[in-house]
Amino acid sequence: MGRRTRGGKVAAARQSRTYWWGVIFGMAFFLFVAFPAATLVYLSLERFGTTSGPSVIATGTAIVTSCEHHALGTPYTCTATATWQPGNSSGEPPADVTVKSMRALSGEVAVKELKCGRSKYVYAHTCSIYTTDFPRLPGIAYLPMVGSILVFALTAVFAGRRLAARIFGKSTESAA
């Protein structure tokens, strides 16, 4: 192979240092920029429909007391008192719940509770409760989120390596 010169050793060390700092800068970019951006994309998906499965645990009616508008996630969350139909939840007393809706609610509305998690048991209606007209999010809507994570990861690696090359690219040592 031949003997490595001092200039070759300096160049190899600079290239190795640039590579590892590029990895570190890329990870930092992904952690502090790309991951929060992907999280915002995920949180905004519920504005277009429910992300829960199609399994309805219980149905009933709710009397709405107040509603709040949100910028991310479900457009409206309303505080209500729900009465569940006896066929689904064995005649439980009315319960205070939070109902997710696409519009501001008032008065009495029909609600449904969707299955959450893997548990077969539901206690005190802790799963998400939506109005019956709340749309279901199609599976294809997850594609932008997955795509954005991949794009952000590639951008993080590219930006990290470019930054490291700018910082460590020029050497002040002479390669004699």
Protein backbone atom coordinates (compact mmCIF):
# COMPACT_ATOMS: atom_id res chain seq x y z
CA MET A 1 0.00 0.00 0.00
CA GLY A 2 2.71 2.43 0.72
CA ARG A 3 3.76 4.65 3.48
CA ARG A 4 1.36 7.32 4.72
CA THR A 5 2.76 10.79 4.66
CA ARG A 6 2.20 13.38 7.32
CA GLY A 7 -0.18 15.23 5.01
CA GLY A 8 -2.20 12.05 4.47
CA LYS A 9 -2.43 11.45 8.20
CA VAL A 10 -3.57 15.03 8.80
CA ALA A 11 -6.16 14.74 6.03
CA ALA A 12 -7.44 11.41 7.42
CA ALA A 13 -7.69 12.83 10.93
CA ARG A 14 -9.55 15.90 9.62
CA GLN A 15 -11.93 13.70 7.62
CA SER A 16 -12.62 11.49 10.64
CA ARG A 17 -13.19 14.51 12.88
CA THR A 18 -15.52 16.06 10.29
CA TYR A 19 -17.48 12.80 9.99
CA TRP A 20 -18.03 12.39 13.73
CA TRP A 21 -18.89 16.04 14.32
CA GLY A 22 -21.28 15.76 11.37
CA VAL A 23 -22.98 12.84 13.08
CA ILE A 24 -23.18 14.79 16.36
CA PHE A 25 -24.55 17.94 14.67
CA GLY A 26 -27.00 15.81 12.66
CA MET A 27 -28.30 14.10 15.80
CA ALA A 28 -28.63 17.44 17.58
CA PHE A 29 -30.51 18.91 14.60
CA PHE A 30 -32.85 15.91 14.51
CA LEU A 31 -33.43 16.01 18.26
CA PHE A 32 -34.05 19.75 18.57
CA VAL A 33 -35.59 20.63 15.19
CA ALA A 34 -36.78 17.64 13.18
CA PHE A 35 -38.36 15.57 15.96
CA PRO A 36 -40.41 18.49 17.37
CA ALA A 37 -41.53 19.37 13.83
CA ALA A 38 -42.62 15.77 13.19
CA THR A 39 -44.46 15.80 16.53
CA LEU A 40 -46.37 18.92 15.46
CA VAL A 41 -47.32 17.21 12.21
CA TYR A 42 -48.60 14.21 14.18
CA LEU A 43 -50.55 16.35 16.64
CA SER A 44 -52.21 18.28 13.85
CA LEU A 45 -53.50 15.10 12.18
CA GLU A 46 -56.45 14.87 14.60
CA ARG A 47 -57.83 18.06 13.08
CA PHE A 48 -58.81 15.95 10.06
CA GLY A 49 -60.26 12.92 11.83
CA THR A 50 -59.88 10.47 14.66
CA THR A 51 -56.60 8.59 14.85
CA SER A 52 -58.15 5.85 17.02
CA GLY A 53 -59.33 2.52 15.74
CA PRO A 54 -62.85 2.02 14.44
CA SER A 55 -64.02 -0.02 17.45
CA VAL A 56 -66.80 1.74 19.33
CA ILE A 57 -66.92 0.78 23.01
CA ALA A 58 -69.99 2.76 24.05
CA THR A 59 -72.51 5.18 22.62
CA GLY A 60 -74.76 7.65 24.34
CA THR A 61 -75.76 11.27 24.67
CA ALA A 62 -73.97 14.14 26.34
CA ILE A 63 -75.19 17.48 27.65
CA VAL A 64 -72.48 20.02 26.87
CA THR A 65 -71.59 22.67 29.45
CA SER A 66 -68.66 24.45 27.78
CA CYS A 67 -66.30 24.23 24.76
CA GLU A 68 -62.73 25.34 24.13
CA HIS A 69 -61.11 25.98 20.75
CA HIS A 70 -57.56 24.64 20.11
CA ALA A 71 -54.93 25.49 17.51
CA LEU A 72 -53.45 21.97 17.43
CA GLY A 73 -55.12 18.62 17.68
CA THR A 74 -58.88 18.40 17.84
CA PRO A 75 -60.46 21.75 16.95
CA TYR A 76 -62.80 21.72 19.97
CA THR A 77 -62.88 19.95 23.32
CA CYS A 78 -66.09 20.27 25.25
CA THR A 79 -66.88 19.50 28.87
CA ALA A 80 -70.06 17.48 29.12
CA THR A 81 -72.08 15.06 31.23
CA ALA A 82 -72.57 11.81 29.33
CA THR A 83 -75.26 9.21 29.77
CA TRP A 84 -74.33 5.88 28.19
CA GLN A 85 -76.87 3.58 26.60
CA PRO A 86 -77.65 0.58 28.82
CA GLY A 87 -76.87 -1.97 26.11
CA ASN A 88 -73.20 -0.94 25.98
CA SER A 89 -72.18 -0.17 29.52
CA SER A 90 -74.70 -1.82 31.86
CA GLY A 91 -76.65 1.24 33.00
CA GLU A 92 -73.92 3.42 34.49
CA PRO A 93 -74.78 6.74 36.10
CA PRO A 94 -74.05 9.95 34.14
CA ALA A 95 -70.34 10.82 34.05
CA ASP A 96 -68.39 14.03 33.47
CA VAL A 97 -66.38 13.60 30.24
CA THR A 98 -64.43 15.57 27.68
CA VAL A 99 -65.89 15.32 24.18
CA LYS A 100 -63.78 16.00 21.08
CA SER A 101 -65.56 17.71 18.22
CA MET A 102 -64.99 19.44 14.89
CA ARG A 103 -67.36 22.28 15.83
CA ALA A 104 -68.46 24.14 18.93
CA LEU A 105 -71.18 22.17 20.69
CA SER A 106 -74.13 23.17 22.82
CA GLY A 107 -77.08 21.34 24.27
CA GLU A 108 -77.46 17.58 23.84
CA VAL A 109 -75.30 15.69 21.34
CA ALA A 110 -74.78 12.04 20.41
CA VAL A 111 -71.33 10.71 21.43
CA LYS A 112 -69.25 7.57 21.01
CA GLU A 113 -66.26 6.22 22.89
CA LEU A 114 -63.57 4.63 20.75
CA LYS A 115 -61.30 1.79 21.83
CA CYS A 116 -57.89 2.86 23.06
CA GLY A 117 -54.84 0.75 23.74
CA ARG A 118 -54.76 -3.03 23.97
CA SER A 119 -56.76 -3.50 27.14
CA LYS A 120 -60.08 -5.32 26.93
CA TYR A 121 -61.29 -3.55 30.05
CA VAL A 122 -62.55 0.03 30.15
CA TYR A 123 -62.91 1.72 33.51
CA ALA A 124 -64.59 5.10 34.04
CA HIS A 125 -64.57 5.92 30.30
CA THR A 126 -60.91 6.93 30.04
CA CYS A 127 -60.69 6.44 26.27
CA SER A 128 -61.32 9.25 23.77
CA ILE A 129 -64.92 10.36 23.41
CA TYR A 130 -66.00 11.93 20.12
CA THR A 131 -69.22 13.19 18.60
CA THR A 132 -70.84 10.58 16.35
CA ASP A 133 -70.23 12.72 13.26
CA PHE A 134 -66.47 13.03 13.92
CA PRO A 135 -64.69 11.82 10.75
CA ARG A 136 -62.28 8.88 10.62
CA LEU A 137 -58.76 9.67 9.46
CA PRO A 138 -57.75 7.60 6.43
CA GLY A 139 -54.54 5.60 6.81
CA ILE A 140 -52.93 7.43 3.89
CA ALA A 141 -52.88 10.59 6.04
CA TYR A 142 -49.99 9.08 8.03
CA LEU A 143 -47.81 9.15 4.92
CA PRO A 144 -46.90 12.86 5.28
CA MET A 145 -45.81 12.28 8.88
CA VAL A 146 -43.59 9.31 7.99
CA GLY A 147 -42.26 11.15 4.95
CA SER A 148 -41.50 14.26 6.99
CA ILE A 149 -39.53 12.23 9.55
CA LEU A 150 -37.43 10.69 6.77
CA VAL A 151 -36.87 14.05 5.09
CA PHE A 152 -35.93 15.67 8.41
CA ALA A 153 -33.51 12.83 9.22
CA LEU A 154 -31.77 13.15 5.84
CA THR A 155 -31.68 16.92 6.17
CA ALA A 156 -30.21 16.56 9.65
CA VAL A 157 -27.38 14.36 8.39
CA PHE A 158 -26.69 16.62 5.41
CA ALA A 159 -26.81 19.83 7.45
CA GLY A 160 -24.66 18.33 10.22
CA ARG A 161 -21.97 17.21 7.79
CA ARG A 162 -21.97 20.55 5.97
CA LEU A 163 -21.63 22.42 9.26
CA ALA A 164 -18.83 20.14 10.43
CA ALA A 165 -17.04 20.54 7.08
CA ARG A 166 -17.21 24.33 7.42
CA ILE A 167 -15.90 24.26 10.97
CA PHE A 168 -13.22 21.61 10.57
CA GLY A 169 -12.65 21.73 6.81
CA LYS A 170 -9.71 24.13 6.78
CA SER A 171 -6.60 23.18 8.62
CA THR A 172 -4.15 25.68 10.06
CA GLU A 173 -1.39 23.07 10.10
CA SER A 174 0.99 22.84 7.18
CA ALA A 175 0.99 19.52 5.38
CA ALA A 176 4.72 19.34 4.80
